[in-house]
Amino acid sequence: MEKLDRLDFKILSYLQDHGRVTNVGLADAIGLSASPCLSRLKRLEDAGYIKSYGARVALEKLGDYLTVFTEVTLADHRIADFDRFLSRAREICEIVECHHVSGGYDYFLKVVARSVVHYQRIFDSLLESDAGIEKYFSYMVLDSPIMRDVYPIDSLFRHRQE
């Protein structure tokens, strides 16, 4: 991992909220001229610090949907069992996040579905796919009073900035 400096962190932090900013706008925002800013941006992209650029879509504007967090425990815990589960889970586009966790279960999933019935169909198909699931627990989201689309880069990595 290459060493990032204060300006690199400023670029990453700024881009989270302003992904469509022009290079000139980014350079002005972080206090650099356009050419060195573009060089830094390309270096950050090439090194994989910037995963992608995209739009955050307001699903609630498109229609009703349901978010379900699901704890999944596998029946067996060999590498092949984890690989099989992940292979099946990757095929389901409604699983928008999958986290391998420590504690009382193996995976924590975030699933979006049209309805409870749709969610159950998704999980029934996963169970029938021989994904190795021993048990699962579902938590329907009623409200999401705090949702952040950006990471607190400054507070997480202040100690790493020069």
N, C-alpha and C. Protein backbone atom coordinates (compact mmCIF):
# COMPACT_ATOMS: atom_id res chain seq x y z
N MET A 1 0.84 -1.18 0.00
CA MET A 1 0.00 0.00 0.00
C MET A 1 0.89 1.24 0.00
N GLU A 2 0.65 2.12 -0.96
CA GLU A 2 1.47 3.32 -1.02
C GLU A 2 1.00 4.33 0.01
N LYS A 3 1.89 5.21 0.38
CA LYS A 3 1.61 6.20 1.42
C LYS A 3 0.78 7.34 0.83
N LEU A 4 -0.30 7.67 1.50
CA LEU A 4 -1.13 8.79 1.09
C LEU A 4 -0.82 10.00 1.96
N ASP A 5 -0.92 11.18 1.37
CA ASP A 5 -0.69 12.37 2.17
C ASP A 5 -2.02 13.10 2.42
N ARG A 6 -1.92 14.23 3.07
CA ARG A 6 -3.10 15.01 3.46
C ARG A 6 -3.97 15.36 2.26
N LEU A 7 -3.35 15.71 1.13
CA LEU A 7 -4.12 16.08 -0.06
C LEU A 7 -4.84 14.88 -0.67
N ASP A 8 -4.22 13.72 -0.65
CA ASP A 8 -4.89 12.51 -1.13
C ASP A 8 -6.16 12.24 -0.31
N PHE A 9 -6.04 12.37 1.01
CA PHE A 9 -7.20 12.16 1.87
C PHE A 9 -8.29 13.20 1.60
N LYS A 10 -7.88 14.45 1.33
CA LYS A 10 -8.86 15.49 1.01
C LYS A 10 -9.59 15.16 -0.29
N ILE A 11 -8.85 14.66 -1.27
CA ILE A 11 -9.48 14.28 -2.54
C ILE A 11 -10.51 13.19 -2.31
N LEU A 12 -10.13 12.14 -1.60
CA LEU A 12 -11.04 11.02 -1.36
C LEU A 12 -12.28 11.47 -0.59
N SER A 13 -12.07 12.28 0.42
CA SER A 13 -13.18 12.77 1.23
C SER A 13 -14.13 13.63 0.40
N TYR A 14 -13.59 14.53 -0.38
CA TYR A 14 -14.40 15.43 -1.19
C TYR A 14 -15.20 14.67 -2.26
N LEU A 15 -14.57 13.68 -2.88
CA LEU A 15 -15.24 12.94 -3.96
C LEU A 15 -16.45 12.15 -3.48
N GLN A 16 -16.46 11.76 -2.22
CA GLN A 16 -17.61 11.00 -1.71
C GLN A 16 -18.91 11.79 -1.85
N ASP A 17 -18.85 13.07 -1.59
CA ASP A 17 -20.05 13.91 -1.67
C ASP A 17 -20.20 14.63 -3.01
N HIS A 18 -19.14 14.68 -3.77
CA HIS A 18 -19.15 15.47 -5.01
C HIS A 18 -18.56 14.65 -6.16
N GLY A 19 -19.10 13.49 -6.41
CA GLY A 19 -18.55 12.58 -7.41
C GLY A 19 -18.56 13.11 -8.83
N ARG A 20 -19.43 14.07 -9.10
CA ARG A 20 -19.52 14.62 -10.46
C ARG A 20 -18.70 15.88 -10.64
N VAL A 21 -17.90 16.23 -9.66
CA VAL A 21 -17.11 17.45 -9.73
C VAL A 21 -16.11 17.36 -10.88
N THR A 22 -15.88 18.48 -11.52
CA THR A 22 -14.86 18.52 -12.56
C THR A 22 -13.49 18.50 -11.90
N ASN A 23 -12.47 18.22 -12.67
CA ASN A 23 -11.12 18.26 -12.12
C ASN A 23 -10.76 19.66 -11.61
N VAL A 24 -11.20 20.68 -12.34
CA VAL A 24 -10.92 22.05 -11.92
C VAL A 24 -11.64 22.35 -10.59
N GLY A 25 -12.89 21.90 -10.48
CA GLY A 25 -13.63 22.09 -9.24
C GLY A 25 -12.99 21.35 -8.07
N LEU A 26 -12.53 20.15 -8.32
CA LEU A 26 -11.84 19.37 -7.28
C LEU A 26 -10.54 20.06 -6.88
N ALA A 27 -9.80 20.51 -7.86
CA ALA A 27 -8.53 21.19 -7.57
C ALA A 27 -8.77 22.43 -6.72
N ASP A 28 -9.79 23.22 -7.05
CA ASP A 28 -10.12 24.41 -6.26
C ASP A 28 -10.52 24.02 -4.84
N ALA A 29 -11.30 22.97 -4.71
CA ALA A 29 -11.81 22.56 -3.39
C ALA A 29 -10.70 22.10 -2.46
N ILE A 30 -9.66 21.49 -3.01
CA ILE A 30 -8.60 20.97 -2.14
C ILE A 30 -7.34 21.83 -2.13
N GLY A 31 -7.33 22.91 -2.95
CA GLY A 31 -6.21 23.83 -2.92
C GLY A 31 -5.01 23.42 -3.75
N LEU A 32 -5.27 22.84 -4.90
CA LEU A 32 -4.20 22.46 -5.84
C LEU A 32 -4.50 23.06 -7.20
N SER A 33 -3.51 23.10 -8.06
CA SER A 33 -3.79 23.46 -9.45
C SER A 33 -4.30 22.21 -10.17
N ALA A 34 -4.89 22.42 -11.33
CA ALA A 34 -5.60 21.34 -12.02
C ALA A 34 -4.71 20.16 -12.42
N SER A 35 -3.53 20.44 -12.96
CA SER A 35 -2.67 19.36 -13.45
C SER A 35 -2.19 18.42 -12.34
N PRO A 36 -1.64 18.93 -11.22
CA PRO A 36 -1.25 18.02 -10.14
C PRO A 36 -2.45 17.29 -9.52
N CYS A 37 -3.59 17.96 -9.51
CA CYS A 37 -4.79 17.32 -8.97
C CYS A 37 -5.19 16.12 -9.83
N LEU A 38 -5.16 16.31 -11.14
CA LEU A 38 -5.50 15.22 -12.05
C LEU A 38 -4.51 14.07 -11.92
N SER A 39 -3.25 14.36 -11.76
CA SER A 39 -2.24 13.32 -11.57
C SER A 39 -2.51 12.52 -10.31
N ARG A 40 -2.84 13.22 -9.22
CA ARG A 40 -3.15 12.53 -7.97
C ARG A 40 -4.40 11.67 -8.12
N LEU A 41 -5.40 12.21 -8.78
CA LEU A 41 -6.65 11.48 -8.97
C LEU A 41 -6.41 10.20 -9.76
N LYS A 42 -5.66 10.30 -10.84
CA LYS A 42 -5.35 9.11 -11.64
C LYS A 42 -4.58 8.08 -10.81
N ARG A 43 -3.62 8.55 -10.00
CA ARG A 43 -2.85 7.64 -9.15
C ARG A 43 -3.76 6.94 -8.14
N LEU A 44 -4.71 7.68 -7.55
CA LEU A 44 -5.64 7.08 -6.58
C LEU A 44 -6.56 6.06 -7.27
N GLU A 45 -6.99 6.38 -8.48
CA GLU A 45 -7.83 5.45 -9.24
C GLU A 45 -7.03 4.19 -9.60
N ASP A 46 -5.83 4.38 -10.14
CA ASP A 46 -4.99 3.25 -10.57
C ASP A 46 -4.62 2.34 -9.40
N ALA A 47 -4.44 2.93 -8.21
CA ALA A 47 -4.06 2.15 -7.03
C ALA A 47 -5.27 1.49 -6.37
N GLY A 48 -6.49 1.75 -6.87
CA GLY A 48 -7.68 1.09 -6.33
C GLY A 48 -8.30 1.76 -5.13
N TYR A 49 -7.87 2.98 -4.78
CA TYR A 49 -8.48 3.69 -3.65
C TYR A 49 -9.88 4.17 -3.99
N ILE A 50 -10.13 4.43 -5.26
CA ILE A 50 -11.45 4.83 -5.72
C ILE A 50 -12.03 3.63 -6.46
N LYS A 51 -13.08 3.05 -5.89
CA LYS A 51 -13.66 1.84 -6.47
C LYS A 51 -14.50 2.13 -7.70
N SER A 52 -15.29 3.20 -7.64
CA SER A 52 -16.16 3.52 -8.78
C SER A 52 -16.77 4.90 -8.58
N TYR A 53 -17.43 5.36 -9.62
CA TYR A 53 -18.23 6.58 -9.57
C TYR A 53 -19.65 6.16 -9.92
N GLY A 54 -20.63 6.76 -9.27
CA GLY A 54 -21.99 6.36 -9.59
C GLY A 54 -23.00 7.29 -8.95
N ALA A 55 -24.25 6.96 -9.15
CA ALA A 55 -25.36 7.73 -8.59
C ALA A 55 -25.99 6.95 -7.45
N ARG A 56 -26.40 7.66 -6.42
CA ARG A 56 -27.17 7.05 -5.34
C ARG A 56 -28.64 7.23 -5.68
N VAL A 57 -29.32 6.14 -5.97
CA VAL A 57 -30.70 6.20 -6.41
C VAL A 57 -31.63 6.18 -5.19
N ALA A 58 -32.64 7.04 -5.21
CA ALA A 58 -33.64 7.10 -4.13
C ALA A 58 -34.72 6.06 -4.42
N LEU A 59 -34.52 4.85 -3.91
CA LEU A 59 -35.47 3.77 -4.17
C LEU A 59 -36.89 4.13 -3.76
N GLU A 60 -37.03 4.87 -2.66
CA GLU A 60 -38.35 5.23 -2.16
C GLU A 60 -39.14 6.06 -3.17
N LYS A 61 -38.46 6.75 -4.06
CA LYS A 61 -39.14 7.52 -5.11
C LYS A 61 -39.66 6.62 -6.22
N LEU A 62 -39.06 5.43 -6.35
CA LEU A 62 -39.44 4.52 -7.42
C LEU A 62 -40.65 3.66 -7.06
N GLY A 63 -40.87 3.46 -5.77
CA GLY A 63 -41.99 2.64 -5.33
C GLY A 63 -41.69 1.97 -4.00
N ASP A 64 -42.62 1.16 -3.56
CA ASP A 64 -42.46 0.46 -2.29
C ASP A 64 -41.44 -0.66 -2.42
N TYR A 65 -40.68 -0.84 -1.37
CA TYR A 65 -39.72 -1.93 -1.29
C TYR A 65 -39.47 -2.21 0.18
N LEU A 66 -38.79 -3.31 0.42
CA LEU A 66 -38.53 -3.77 1.77
C LEU A 66 -37.04 -4.05 1.91
N THR A 67 -36.46 -3.64 3.03
CA THR A 67 -35.08 -3.98 3.34
C THR A 67 -35.10 -4.97 4.49
N VAL A 68 -34.36 -6.05 4.35
CA VAL A 68 -34.31 -7.09 5.37
C VAL A 68 -32.84 -7.40 5.67
N PHE A 69 -32.49 -7.35 6.95
CA PHE A 69 -31.18 -7.82 7.38
C PHE A 69 -31.35 -9.26 7.83
N THR A 70 -30.45 -10.11 7.41
CA THR A 70 -30.59 -11.54 7.67
C THR A 70 -29.29 -12.12 8.22
N GLU A 71 -29.41 -12.79 9.36
CA GLU A 71 -28.28 -13.54 9.93
C GLU A 71 -28.34 -14.95 9.36
N VAL A 72 -27.24 -15.44 8.85
CA VAL A 72 -27.18 -16.78 8.27
C VAL A 72 -26.12 -17.60 8.98
N THR A 73 -26.51 -18.80 9.40
CA THR A 73 -25.56 -19.75 9.98
C THR A 73 -25.47 -20.95 9.05
N LEU A 74 -24.26 -21.32 8.70
CA LEU A 74 -24.06 -22.48 7.84
C LEU A 74 -24.03 -23.77 8.65
N ALA A 75 -24.42 -24.86 8.02
CA ALA A 75 -24.43 -26.16 8.70
C ALA A 75 -23.01 -26.66 8.97
N ASP A 76 -22.11 -26.43 8.02
CA ASP A 76 -20.73 -26.87 8.16
C ASP A 76 -19.80 -25.69 7.91
N HIS A 77 -18.57 -25.83 8.37
CA HIS A 77 -17.66 -24.68 8.34
C HIS A 77 -16.31 -24.97 7.69
N ARG A 78 -16.35 -25.73 6.62
CA ARG A 78 -15.14 -25.94 5.83
C ARG A 78 -15.06 -24.84 4.77
N ILE A 79 -13.90 -24.64 4.22
CA ILE A 79 -13.72 -23.61 3.20
C ILE A 79 -14.69 -23.83 2.03
N ALA A 80 -14.87 -25.08 1.65
CA ALA A 80 -15.78 -25.39 0.54
C ALA A 80 -17.22 -24.99 0.87
N ASP A 81 -17.61 -25.09 2.14
CA ASP A 81 -18.96 -24.70 2.55
C ASP A 81 -19.16 -23.19 2.41
N PHE A 82 -18.16 -22.42 2.84
CA PHE A 82 -18.24 -20.97 2.69
C PHE A 82 -18.26 -20.58 1.21
N ASP A 83 -17.41 -21.22 0.43
CA ASP A 83 -17.35 -20.93 -1.01
C ASP A 83 -18.69 -21.24 -1.69
N ARG A 84 -19.30 -22.36 -1.33
CA ARG A 84 -20.58 -22.75 -1.94
C ARG A 84 -21.66 -21.74 -1.59
N PHE A 85 -21.73 -21.34 -0.31
CA PHE A 85 -22.73 -20.35 0.09
C PHE A 85 -22.53 -19.05 -0.69
N LEU A 86 -21.30 -18.55 -0.74
CA LEU A 86 -21.04 -17.30 -1.43
C LEU A 86 -21.35 -17.38 -2.92
N SER A 87 -21.06 -18.52 -3.51
CA SER A 87 -21.37 -18.71 -4.92
C SER A 87 -22.87 -18.59 -5.17
N ARG A 88 -23.68 -19.20 -4.31
CA ARG A 88 -25.14 -19.13 -4.45
C ARG A 88 -25.64 -17.71 -4.15
N ALA A 89 -25.10 -17.09 -3.10
CA ALA A 89 -25.55 -15.75 -2.71
C ALA A 89 -25.23 -14.72 -3.79
N ARG A 90 -24.09 -14.85 -4.45
CA ARG A 90 -23.71 -13.90 -5.51
C ARG A 90 -24.67 -13.93 -6.69
N GLU A 91 -25.37 -15.02 -6.88
CA GLU A 91 -26.31 -15.15 -7.99
C GLU A 91 -27.61 -14.40 -7.74
N ILE A 92 -27.85 -13.94 -6.52
CA ILE A 92 -29.11 -13.29 -6.16
C ILE A 92 -28.88 -11.78 -6.08
N CYS A 93 -29.38 -11.05 -7.07
CA CYS A 93 -29.11 -9.61 -7.13
C CYS A 93 -29.76 -8.83 -6.00
N GLU A 94 -30.79 -9.39 -5.38
CA GLU A 94 -31.44 -8.69 -4.26
C GLU A 94 -30.59 -8.71 -2.99
N ILE A 95 -29.58 -9.57 -2.93
CA ILE A 95 -28.63 -9.52 -1.82
C ILE A 95 -27.63 -8.44 -2.19
N VAL A 96 -27.79 -7.27 -1.56
CA VAL A 96 -26.96 -6.12 -1.94
C VAL A 96 -25.72 -5.98 -1.07
N GLU A 97 -25.70 -6.66 0.08
CA GLU A 97 -24.51 -6.71 0.92
C GLU A 97 -24.43 -8.08 1.57
N CYS A 98 -23.22 -8.57 1.74
CA CYS A 98 -22.98 -9.83 2.42
C CYS A 98 -21.69 -9.68 3.22
N HIS A 99 -21.81 -9.85 4.53
CA HIS A 99 -20.67 -9.68 5.42
C HIS A 99 -20.38 -10.97 6.17
N HIS A 100 -19.17 -11.45 6.09
CA HIS A 100 -18.72 -12.60 6.88
C HIS A 100 -18.34 -12.05 8.24
N VAL A 101 -19.00 -12.54 9.30
CA VAL A 101 -18.85 -11.93 10.62
C VAL A 101 -18.43 -12.94 11.67
N SER A 102 -17.94 -12.41 12.78
CA SER A 102 -17.66 -13.27 13.93
C SER A 102 -18.87 -13.23 14.85
N GLY A 103 -18.93 -14.17 15.77
CA GLY A 103 -20.04 -14.18 16.72
C GLY A 103 -20.93 -15.39 16.54
N GLY A 104 -22.20 -15.21 16.76
CA GLY A 104 -23.15 -16.31 16.80
C GLY A 104 -23.65 -16.80 15.46
N TYR A 105 -23.28 -16.17 14.38
CA TYR A 105 -23.68 -16.62 13.05
C TYR A 105 -22.54 -16.33 12.08
N ASP A 106 -22.68 -16.78 10.84
CA ASP A 106 -21.58 -16.71 9.88
C ASP A 106 -21.63 -15.50 8.94
N TYR A 107 -22.83 -15.17 8.46
CA TYR A 107 -22.97 -14.08 7.50
C TYR A 107 -24.11 -13.16 7.92
N PHE A 108 -23.94 -11.90 7.59
CA PHE A 108 -24.97 -10.89 7.80
C PHE A 108 -25.28 -10.30 6.44
N LEU A 109 -26.51 -10.45 5.98
CA LEU A 109 -26.91 -10.03 4.65
C LEU A 109 -27.84 -8.82 4.71
N LYS A 110 -27.74 -7.99 3.70
CA LYS A 110 -28.72 -6.93 3.47
C LYS A 110 -29.42 -7.29 2.18
N VAL A 111 -30.73 -7.45 2.28
CA VAL A 111 -31.53 -7.89 1.13
C VAL A 111 -32.60 -6.84 0.86
N VAL A 112 -32.79 -6.49 -0.39
CA VAL A 112 -33.90 -5.63 -0.77
C VAL A 112 -34.88 -6.47 -1.59
N ALA A 113 -36.17 -6.26 -1.31
CA ALA A 113 -37.21 -7.04 -1.99
C ALA A 113 -38.45 -6.17 -2.18
N ARG A 114 -39.34 -6.63 -3.07
CA ARG A 114 -40.57 -5.89 -3.32
C ARG A 114 -41.52 -5.98 -2.13
N SER A 115 -41.48 -7.13 -1.43
CA SER A 115 -42.45 -7.39 -0.36
C SER A 115 -41.93 -8.53 0.51
N VAL A 116 -42.66 -8.83 1.56
CA VAL A 116 -42.31 -9.96 2.41
C VAL A 116 -42.39 -11.26 1.61
N VAL A 117 -43.40 -11.37 0.78
CA VAL A 117 -43.56 -12.58 -0.04
C VAL A 117 -42.36 -12.73 -0.99
N HIS A 118 -41.96 -11.65 -1.61
CA HIS A 118 -40.80 -11.69 -2.50
C HIS A 118 -39.54 -12.08 -1.74
N TYR A 119 -39.35 -11.49 -0.55
CA TYR A 119 -38.19 -11.85 0.27
C TYR A 119 -38.20 -13.36 0.57
N GLN A 120 -39.35 -13.88 0.95
CA GLN A 120 -39.41 -15.30 1.29
C GLN A 120 -39.11 -16.18 0.09
N ARG A 121 -39.55 -15.77 -1.09
CA ARG A 121 -39.22 -16.51 -2.31
C ARG A 121 -37.72 -16.51 -2.57
N ILE A 122 -37.10 -15.35 -2.34
CA ILE A 122 -35.65 -15.25 -2.51
C ILE A 122 -34.96 -16.23 -1.58
N PHE A 123 -35.37 -16.24 -0.32
CA PHE A 123 -34.69 -17.10 0.63
C PHE A 123 -35.02 -18.57 0.42
N ASP A 124 -36.25 -18.86 0.01
CA ASP A 124 -36.59 -20.25 -0.32
C ASP A 124 -35.70 -20.76 -1.45
N SER A 125 -35.47 -19.92 -2.46
CA SER A 125 -34.62 -20.36 -3.57
C SER A 125 -33.18 -20.56 -3.10
N LEU A 126 -32.72 -19.75 -2.17
CA LEU A 126 -31.38 -19.92 -1.63
C LEU A 126 -31.29 -21.21 -0.82
N LEU A 127 -32.31 -21.49 -0.05
CA LEU A 127 -32.33 -22.73 0.74
C LEU A 127 -32.38 -23.96 -0.17
N GLU A 128 -33.15 -23.88 -1.24
CA GLU A 128 -33.27 -25.01 -2.16
C GLU A 128 -32.04 -25.20 -3.03
N SER A 129 -31.16 -24.21 -3.07
CA SER A 129 -29.98 -24.28 -3.93
C SER A 129 -28.83 -25.05 -3.28
N ASP A 130 -29.07 -25.65 -2.16
CA ASP A 130 -28.03 -26.38 -1.44
C ASP A 130 -26.85 -25.46 -1.08
N ALA A 131 -27.21 -24.30 -0.53
CA ALA A 131 -26.19 -23.32 -0.14
C ALA A 131 -25.57 -23.66 1.21
N GLY A 132 -26.08 -24.68 1.89
CA GLY A 132 -25.49 -25.10 3.16
C GLY A 132 -25.99 -24.34 4.37
N ILE A 133 -27.16 -23.71 4.26
CA ILE A 133 -27.69 -22.93 5.38
C ILE A 133 -28.33 -23.84 6.41
N GLU A 134 -27.89 -23.69 7.66
CA GLU A 134 -28.51 -24.43 8.76
C GLU A 134 -29.70 -23.67 9.32
N LYS A 135 -29.53 -22.36 9.53
CA LYS A 135 -30.62 -21.53 10.03
C LYS A 135 -30.39 -20.09 9.62
N TYR A 136 -31.49 -19.33 9.64
CA TYR A 136 -31.37 -17.90 9.35
C TYR A 136 -32.44 -17.15 10.13
N PHE A 137 -32.14 -15.91 10.44
CA PHE A 137 -33.07 -15.04 11.14
C PHE A 137 -33.20 -13.75 10.35
N SER A 138 -34.43 -13.29 10.18
CA SER A 138 -34.70 -12.12 9.35
C SER A 138 -35.17 -10.96 10.21
N TYR A 139 -34.71 -9.77 9.85
CA TYR A 139 -35.09 -8.54 10.55
C TYR A 139 -35.58 -7.54 9.51
N MET A 140 -36.89 -7.31 9.49
CA MET A 140 -37.47 -6.36 8.55
C MET A 140 -37.20 -4.94 9.04
N VAL A 141 -36.70 -4.10 8.17
CA VAL A 141 -36.42 -2.71 8.52
C VAL A 141 -37.73 -1.93 8.49
N LEU A 142 -38.04 -1.27 9.61
CA LEU A 142 -39.23 -0.45 9.71
C LEU A 142 -38.94 1.00 9.34
N ASP A 143 -37.77 1.47 9.72
CA ASP A 143 -37.37 2.84 9.48
C ASP A 143 -35.85 2.90 9.55
N SER A 144 -35.26 3.83 8.85
CA SER A 144 -33.81 3.99 8.87
C SER A 144 -33.48 5.44 9.19
N PRO A 145 -33.52 5.81 10.47
CA PRO A 145 -33.33 7.21 10.84
C PRO A 145 -31.90 7.72 10.60
N ILE A 146 -30.93 6.83 10.52
CA ILE A 146 -29.56 7.25 10.20
C ILE A 146 -29.04 6.37 9.08
N MET A 147 -28.76 7.00 7.96
CA MET A 147 -28.13 6.30 6.84
C MET A 147 -27.12 7.26 6.24
N ARG A 148 -25.89 6.86 6.25
CA ARG A 148 -24.84 7.70 5.69
C ARG A 148 -24.28 7.03 4.44
N ASP A 149 -24.10 7.82 3.42
CA ASP A 149 -23.57 7.31 2.16
C ASP A 149 -22.08 7.55 2.02
N VAL A 150 -21.50 8.22 3.00
CA VAL A 150 -20.07 8.52 2.95
C VAL A 150 -19.40 8.01 4.21
N TYR A 151 -18.13 7.74 4.10
CA TYR A 151 -17.33 7.30 5.25
C TYR A 151 -16.66 8.50 5.91
N PRO A 152 -16.50 8.49 7.23
CA PRO A 152 -15.84 9.59 7.92
C PRO A 152 -14.31 9.48 7.80
N ILE A 153 -13.82 9.72 6.61
CA ILE A 153 -12.40 9.54 6.31
C ILE A 153 -11.51 10.32 7.26
N ASP A 154 -11.86 11.59 7.52
CA ASP A 154 -11.01 12.41 8.38
C ASP A 154 -10.87 11.82 9.78
N SER A 155 -11.98 11.41 10.40
CA SER A 155 -11.87 10.90 11.77
C SER A 155 -11.28 9.49 11.81
N LEU A 156 -11.49 8.69 10.78
CA LEU A 156 -10.94 7.34 10.78
C LEU A 156 -9.44 7.31 10.53
N PHE A 157 -8.97 8.23 9.67
CA PHE A 157 -7.58 8.13 9.22
C PHE A 157 -6.76 9.40 9.46
N ARG A 158 -7.22 10.25 10.35
CA ARG A 158 -6.49 11.49 10.65
C ARG A 158 -5.06 11.19 11.05
N HIS A 159 -4.85 10.13 11.82
CA HIS A 159 -3.51 9.77 12.28
C HIS A 159 -2.57 9.35 11.15
N ARG A 160 -3.11 9.01 9.99
CA ARG A 160 -2.28 8.56 8.87
C ARG A 160 -1.94 9.69 7.91
N GLN A 161 -2.55 10.84 8.10
CA GLN A 161 -2.30 11.96 7.20
C GLN A 161 -1.05 12.72 7.64
N GLU A 162 -0.27 13.08 6.69
CA GLU A 162 0.98 13.82 7.00
C GLU A 162 0.68 15.27 7.31
